[in-house]
PDB file of all heavy atoms in Angstrom:
ATOM      1  N   PHE A   1      28.063 -48.341 -19.579  1.00  0.00           N
ATOM      2  CA  PHE A   1      28.832 -49.566 -19.352  1.00  0.00           C
ATOM      3  C   PHE A   1      27.902 -50.725 -18.982  1.00  0.00           C
ATOM      4  O   PHE A   1      28.091 -51.852 -19.449  1.00  0.00           O
ATOM      5  CB  PHE A   1      29.871 -49.345 -18.253  1.00  0.00           C
ATOM      6  CG  PHE A   1      31.173 -48.815 -18.761  1.00  0.00           C
ATOM      7  CD1 PHE A   1      31.490 -47.478 -18.656  1.00  0.00           C
ATOM      8  CD2 PHE A   1      32.089 -49.659 -19.368  1.00  0.00           C
ATOM      9  CE1 PHE A   1      32.692 -46.978 -19.131  1.00  0.00           C
ATOM     10  CE2 PHE A   1      33.295 -49.179 -19.858  1.00  0.00           C
ATOM     11  CZ  PHE A   1      33.599 -47.833 -19.741  1.00  0.00           C
ATOM     12  N   ARG A   2      26.913 -50.456 -18.171  1.00  0.00           N
ATOM     13  CA  ARG A   2      25.971 -51.512 -17.799  1.00  0.00           C
ATOM     14  C   ARG A   2      25.212 -52.017 -19.028  1.00  0.00           C
ATOM     15  O   ARG A   2      24.975 -53.219 -19.174  1.00  0.00           O
ATOM     16  CB  ARG A   2      25.008 -50.995 -16.740  1.00  0.00           C
ATOM     17  CG  ARG A   2      25.661 -50.702 -15.401  1.00  0.00           C
ATOM     18  CD  ARG A   2      24.676 -50.052 -14.445  1.00  0.00           C
ATOM     19  NE  ARG A   2      23.614 -50.974 -14.064  1.00  0.00           N
ATOM     20  CZ  ARG A   2      22.368 -50.591 -13.760  1.00  0.00           C
ATOM     21  NH1 ARG A   2      22.022 -49.302 -13.836  1.00  0.00           N
ATOM     22  NH2 ARG A   2      21.476 -51.474 -13.401  1.00  0.00           N
ATOM     23  N   CYS A   3      24.847 -51.096 -19.911  1.00  0.00           N
ATOM     24  CA  CYS A   3      24.168 -51.502 -21.152  1.00  0.00           C
ATOM     25  C   CYS A   3      25.091 -52.343 -22.026  1.00  0.00           C
ATOM     26  O   CYS A   3      24.658 -53.332 -22.635  1.00  0.00           O
ATOM     27  CB  CYS A   3      23.692 -50.278 -21.922  1.00  0.00           C
ATOM     28  SG  CYS A   3      22.296 -49.405 -21.174  1.00  0.00           S
ATOM     29  N   ALA A   4      26.368 -51.968 -22.096  1.00  0.00           N
ATOM     30  CA  ALA A   4      27.327 -52.727 -22.896  1.00  0.00           C
ATOM     31  C   ALA A   4      27.502 -54.140 -22.346  1.00  0.00           C
ATOM     32  O   ALA A   4      27.669 -55.102 -23.100  1.00  0.00           O
ATOM     33  CB  ALA A   4      28.663 -51.999 -22.930  1.00  0.00           C
ATOM     34  N   LEU A   5      27.453 -54.271 -21.019  1.00  0.00           N
ATOM     35  CA  LEU A   5      27.583 -55.586 -20.402  1.00  0.00           C
ATOM     36  C   LEU A   5      26.388 -56.475 -20.708  1.00  0.00           C
ATOM     37  O   LEU A   5      26.515 -57.699 -20.776  1.00  0.00           O
ATOM     38  CB  LEU A   5      27.745 -55.437 -18.888  1.00  0.00           C
ATOM     39  CG  LEU A   5      29.106 -54.948 -18.410  1.00  0.00           C
ATOM     40  CD1 LEU A   5      29.050 -54.518 -16.960  1.00  0.00           C
ATOM     41  CD2 LEU A   5      30.141 -56.062 -18.596  1.00  0.00           C
ATOM     42  N   ARG A   6      25.229 -55.860 -20.898  1.00  0.00           N
ATOM     43  CA  ARG A   6      24.004 -56.630 -21.107  1.00  0.00           C
ATOM     44  C   ARG A   6      23.720 -56.938 -22.575  1.00  0.00           C
ATOM     45  O   ARG A   6      22.814 -57.717 -22.877  1.00  0.00           O
ATOM     46  CB  ARG A   6      22.807 -55.879 -20.519  1.00  0.00           C
ATOM     47  CG  ARG A   6      22.802 -55.783 -19.008  1.00  0.00           C
ATOM     48  CD  ARG A   6      21.441 -55.348 -18.491  1.00  0.00           C
ATOM     49  NE  ARG A   6      21.068 -54.022 -18.972  1.00  0.00           N
ATOM     50  CZ  ARG A   6      21.245 -52.905 -18.273  1.00  0.00           C
ATOM     51  NH1 ARG A   6      21.815 -52.959 -17.072  1.00  0.00           N
ATOM     52  NH2 ARG A   6      20.876 -51.739 -18.761  1.00  0.00           N
ATOM     53  N   ARG A   7      24.448 -56.327 -23.492  1.00  0.00           N
ATOM     54  CA  ARG A   7      24.106 -56.504 -24.906  1.00  0.00           C
ATOM     55  C   ARG A   7      24.272 -57.960 -25.317  1.00  0.00           C
ATOM     56  O   ARG A   7      25.174 -58.660 -24.853  1.00  0.00           O
ATOM     57  CB  ARG A   7      24.944 -55.567 -25.780  1.00  0.00           C
ATOM     58  CG  ARG A   7      26.385 -55.978 -25.962  1.00  0.00           C
ATOM     59  CD  ARG A   7      27.163 -54.938 -26.764  1.00  0.00           C
ATOM     60  NE  ARG A   7      28.542 -55.363 -26.947  1.00  0.00           N
ATOM     61  CZ  ARG A   7      29.001 -55.970 -28.042  1.00  0.00           C
ATOM     62  NH1 ARG A   7      28.170 -56.223 -29.047  1.00  0.00           N
ATOM     63  NH2 ARG A   7      30.264 -56.326 -28.147  1.00  0.00           N
ATOM     64  N   GLU A   8      23.421 -58.395 -26.205  1.00  0.00           N
ATOM     65  CA  GLU A   8      23.398 -59.802 -26.610  1.00  0.00           C
ATOM     66  C   GLU A   8      24.288 -60.086 -27.806  1.00  0.00           C
ATOM     67  O   GLU A   8      24.757 -61.212 -27.974  1.00  0.00           O
ATOM     68  CB  GLU A   8      21.956 -60.222 -26.919  1.00  0.00           C
ATOM     69  CG  GLU A   8      21.040 -60.167 -25.695  1.00  0.00           C
ATOM     70  CD  GLU A   8      19.633 -60.621 -26.018  1.00  0.00           C
ATOM     71  OE1 GLU A   8      19.370 -60.966 -27.192  1.00  0.00           O
ATOM     72  OE2 GLU A   8      18.789 -60.626 -25.096  1.00  0.00           O
ATOM     73  N   ALA A   9      24.522 -59.105 -28.651  1.00  0.00           N
ATOM     74  CA  ALA A   9      25.338 -59.328 -29.841  1.00  0.00           C
ATOM     75  C   ALA A   9      26.751 -59.729 -29.441  1.00  0.00           C
ATOM     76  O   ALA A   9      27.321 -59.195 -28.487  1.00  0.00           O
ATOM     77  CB  ALA A   9      25.374 -58.066 -30.692  1.00  0.00           C
ATOM     78  N   SER A  10      27.328 -60.685 -30.171  1.00  0.00           N
ATOM     79  CA  SER A  10      28.652 -61.201 -29.810  1.00  0.00           C
ATOM     80  C   SER A  10      29.795 -60.485 -30.513  1.00  0.00           C
ATOM     81  O   SER A  10      30.956 -60.635 -30.129  1.00  0.00           O
ATOM     82  CB  SER A  10      28.727 -62.696 -30.124  1.00  0.00           C
ATOM     83  OG  SER A  10      28.497 -62.921 -31.507  1.00  0.00           O
ATOM     84  N   GLY A  11      29.504 -59.726 -31.559  1.00  0.00           N
ATOM     85  CA  GLY A  11      30.553 -59.053 -32.310  1.00  0.00           C
ATOM     86  C   GLY A  11      31.137 -57.876 -31.553  1.00  0.00           C
ATOM     87  O   GLY A  11      30.602 -57.437 -30.527  1.00  0.00           O
ATOM     88  N   PRO A  12      32.254 -57.320 -32.034  1.00  0.00           N
ATOM     89  CA  PRO A  12      32.870 -56.167 -31.377  1.00  0.00           C
ATOM     90  C   PRO A  12      31.971 -54.935 -31.452  1.00  0.00           C
ATOM     91  O   PRO A  12      31.219 -54.760 -32.408  1.00  0.00           O
ATOM     92  CB  PRO A  12      34.174 -55.952 -32.158  1.00  0.00           C
ATOM     93  CG  PRO A  12      33.926 -56.581 -33.495  1.00  0.00           C
ATOM     94  CD  PRO A  12      33.006 -57.737 -33.234  1.00  0.00           C
ATOM     95  N   LEU A  13      32.088 -54.101 -30.415  1.00  0.00           N
ATOM     96  CA  LEU A  13      31.291 -52.880 -30.330  1.00  0.00           C
ATOM     97  C   LEU A  13      32.221 -51.688 -30.174  1.00  0.00           C
ATOM     98  O   LEU A  13      33.152 -51.722 -29.362  1.00  0.00           O
ATOM     99  CB  LEU A  13      30.345 -52.948 -29.131  1.00  0.00           C
ATOM    100  CG  LEU A  13      29.574 -51.658 -28.805  1.00  0.00           C
ATOM    101  CD1 LEU A  13      28.442 -51.464 -29.805  1.00  0.00           C
ATOM    102  CD2 LEU A  13      29.025 -51.693 -27.383  1.00  0.00           C
ATOM    103  N   LEU A  14      31.975 -50.644 -30.939  1.00  0.00           N
ATOM    104  CA  LEU A  14      32.723 -49.394 -30.810  1.00  0.00           C
ATOM    105  C   LEU A  14      31.731 -48.248 -30.925  1.00  0.00           C
ATOM    106  O   LEU A  14      31.182 -48.009 -32.000  1.00  0.00           O
ATOM    107  CB  LEU A  14      33.793 -49.292 -31.911  1.00  0.00           C
ATOM    108  CG  LEU A  14      34.580 -47.978 -31.995  1.00  0.00           C
ATOM    109  CD1 LEU A  14      35.331 -47.709 -30.698  1.00  0.00           C
ATOM    110  CD2 LEU A  14      35.540 -48.007 -33.180  1.00  0.00           C
ATOM    111  N   VAL A  15      31.467 -47.559 -29.800  1.00  0.00           N
ATOM    112  CA  VAL A  15      30.494 -46.467 -29.809  1.00  0.00           C
ATOM    113  C   VAL A  15      31.013 -45.280 -29.008  1.00  0.00           C
ATOM    114  O   VAL A  15      31.892 -45.405 -28.153  1.00  0.00           O
ATOM    115  CB  VAL A  15      29.123 -46.890 -29.230  1.00  0.00           C
ATOM    116  CG1 VAL A  15      28.449 -47.913 -30.105  1.00  0.00           C
ATOM    117  CG2 VAL A  15      29.259 -47.392 -27.806  1.00  0.00           C
ATOM    118  N   ASP A  16      30.432 -44.131 -29.297  1.00  0.00           N
ATOM    119  CA  ASP A  16      30.764 -42.894 -28.610  1.00  0.00           C
ATOM    120  C   ASP A  16      29.728 -42.610 -27.530  1.00  0.00           C
ATOM    121  O   ASP A  16      28.526 -42.769 -27.760  1.00  0.00           O
ATOM    122  CB  ASP A  16      30.801 -41.731 -29.605  1.00  0.00           C
ATOM    123  CG  ASP A  16      31.809 -41.969 -30.710  1.00  0.00           C
ATOM    124  OD1 ASP A  16      32.992 -41.673 -30.493  1.00  0.00           O
ATOM    125  OD2 ASP A  16      31.410 -42.471 -31.781  1.00  0.00           O
ATOM    126  N   ILE A  17      30.215 -42.163 -26.374  1.00  0.00           N
ATOM    127  CA  ILE A  17      29.343 -41.876 -25.245  1.00  0.00           C
ATOM    128  C   ILE A  17      29.534 -40.419 -24.826  1.00  0.00           C
ATOM    129  O   ILE A  17      30.643 -40.010 -24.447  1.00  0.00           O
ATOM    130  CB  ILE A  17      29.637 -42.799 -24.046  1.00  0.00           C
ATOM    131  CG1 ILE A  17      29.478 -44.267 -24.448  1.00  0.00           C
ATOM    132  CG2 ILE A  17      28.764 -42.436 -22.854  1.00  0.00           C
ATOM    133  CD1 ILE A  17      28.078 -44.655 -24.870  1.00  0.00           C
ATOM    134  N   GLY A  18      28.464 -39.639 -24.903  1.00  0.00           N
ATOM    135  CA  GLY A  18      28.512 -38.233 -24.505  1.00  0.00           C
ATOM    136  C   GLY A  18      27.107 -37.748 -24.218  1.00  0.00           C
ATOM    137  O   GLY A  18      26.158 -38.534 -24.140  1.00  0.00           O
ATOM    138  N   SER A  19      26.982 -36.446 -24.080  1.00  0.00           N
ATOM    139  CA  SER A  19      25.646 -35.863 -23.895  1.00  0.00           C
ATOM    140  C   SER A  19      24.983 -35.567 -25.227  1.00  0.00           C
ATOM    141  O   SER A  19      23.760 -35.421 -25.310  1.00  0.00           O
ATOM    142  CB  SER A  19      25.753 -34.565 -23.087  1.00  0.00           C
ATOM    143  OG  SER A  19      26.384 -33.550 -23.858  1.00  0.00           O
ATOM    144  N   GLY A  20      25.810 -35.434 -26.270  1.00  0.00           N
ATOM    145  CA  GLY A  20      25.296 -35.034 -27.570  1.00  0.00           C
ATOM    146  C   GLY A  20      24.999 -33.552 -27.668  1.00  0.00           C
ATOM    147  O   GLY A  20      24.439 -33.094 -28.667  1.00  0.00           O
ATOM    148  N   GLN A  21      25.392 -32.802 -26.635  1.00  0.00           N
ATOM    149  CA  GLN A  21      25.117 -31.359 -26.590  1.00  0.00           C
ATOM    150  C   GLN A  21      26.430 -30.580 -26.538  1.00  0.00           C
ATOM    151  O   GLN A  21      27.092 -30.545 -25.496  1.00  0.00           O
ATOM    152  CB  GLN A  21      24.271 -31.015 -25.360  1.00  0.00           C
ATOM    153  CG  GLN A  21      22.914 -31.689 -25.323  1.00  0.00           C
ATOM    154  CD  GLN A  21      22.023 -31.234 -26.467  1.00  0.00           C
ATOM    155  OE1 GLN A  21      22.002 -30.060 -26.824  1.00  0.00           O
ATOM    156  NE2 GLN A  21      21.269 -32.168 -27.023  1.00  0.00           N
ATOM    157  N   PRO A  22      26.855 -29.954 -27.634  1.00  0.00           N
ATOM    158  CA  PRO A  22      28.097 -29.173 -27.599  1.00  0.00           C
ATOM    159  C   PRO A  22      27.945 -27.914 -26.753  1.00  0.00           C
ATOM    160  O   PRO A  22      26.927 -27.223 -26.826  1.00  0.00           O
ATOM    161  CB  PRO A  22      28.328 -28.819 -29.074  1.00  0.00           C
ATOM    162  CG  PRO A  22      26.966 -28.875 -29.703  1.00  0.00           C
ATOM    163  CD  PRO A  22      26.212 -29.936 -28.959  1.00  0.00           C
ATOM    164  N   THR A  23      28.954 -27.635 -25.932  1.00  0.00           N
ATOM    165  CA  THR A  23      28.938 -26.480 -25.037  1.00  0.00           C
ATOM    166  C   THR A  23      30.295 -25.799 -25.094  1.00  0.00           C
ATOM    167  O   THR A  23      31.335 -26.474 -25.022  1.00  0.00           O
ATOM    168  CB  THR A  23      28.664 -26.924 -23.579  1.00  0.00           C
ATOM    169  OG1 THR A  23      27.460 -27.680 -23.531  1.00  0.00           O
ATOM    170  CG2 THR A  23      28.536 -25.724 -22.653  1.00  0.00           C
ATOM    171  N   THR A  24      30.310 -24.478 -25.208  1.00  0.00           N
ATOM    172  CA  THR A  24      31.593 -23.777 -25.217  1.00  0.00           C
ATOM    173  C   THR A  24      32.131 -23.671 -23.795  1.00  0.00           C
ATOM    174  O   THR A  24      31.382 -23.714 -22.810  1.00  0.00           O
ATOM    175  CB  THR A  24      31.487 -22.369 -25.805  1.00  0.00           C
ATOM    176  OG1 THR A  24      30.723 -21.535 -24.918  1.00  0.00           O
ATOM    177  CG2 THR A  24      30.854 -22.385 -27.188  1.00  0.00           C
ATOM    178  N   LEU A  25      33.438 -23.495 -23.701  1.00  0.00           N
ATOM    179  CA  LEU A  25      34.069 -23.366 -22.390  1.00  0.00           C
ATOM    180  C   LEU A  25      33.570 -22.124 -21.657  1.00  0.00           C
ATOM    181  O   LEU A  25      33.396 -22.146 -20.431  1.00  0.00           O
ATOM    182  CB  LEU A  25      35.591 -23.314 -22.559  1.00  0.00           C
ATOM    183  CG  LEU A  25      36.425 -23.922 -21.434  1.00  0.00           C
ATOM    184  CD1 LEU A  25      36.045 -25.369 -21.196  1.00  0.00           C
ATOM    185  CD2 LEU A  25      37.904 -23.804 -21.753  1.00  0.00           C
ATOM    186  N   LEU A  26      33.310 -21.051 -22.402  1.00  0.00           N
ATOM    187  CA  LEU A  26      32.795 -19.845 -21.761  1.00  0.00           C
ATOM    188  C   LEU A  26      31.387 -20.078 -21.224  1.00  0.00           C
ATOM    189  O   LEU A  26      31.054 -19.609 -20.125  1.00  0.00           O
ATOM    190  CB  LEU A  26      32.794 -18.678 -22.748  1.00  0.00           C
ATOM    191  CG  LEU A  26      32.271 -17.345 -22.194  1.00  0.00           C
ATOM    192  CD1 LEU A  26      33.064 -16.904 -20.963  1.00  0.00           C
ATOM    193  CD2 LEU A  26      32.313 -16.260 -23.274  1.00  0.00           C
TER     194      LEU A  26
END
């Protein structure tokens, strides 16, 4: 969120935020 607040581009932004590491529930 802090990075999104600081971005300079004025257009709309839509991005995914995660760890990028899939983990099973078990």
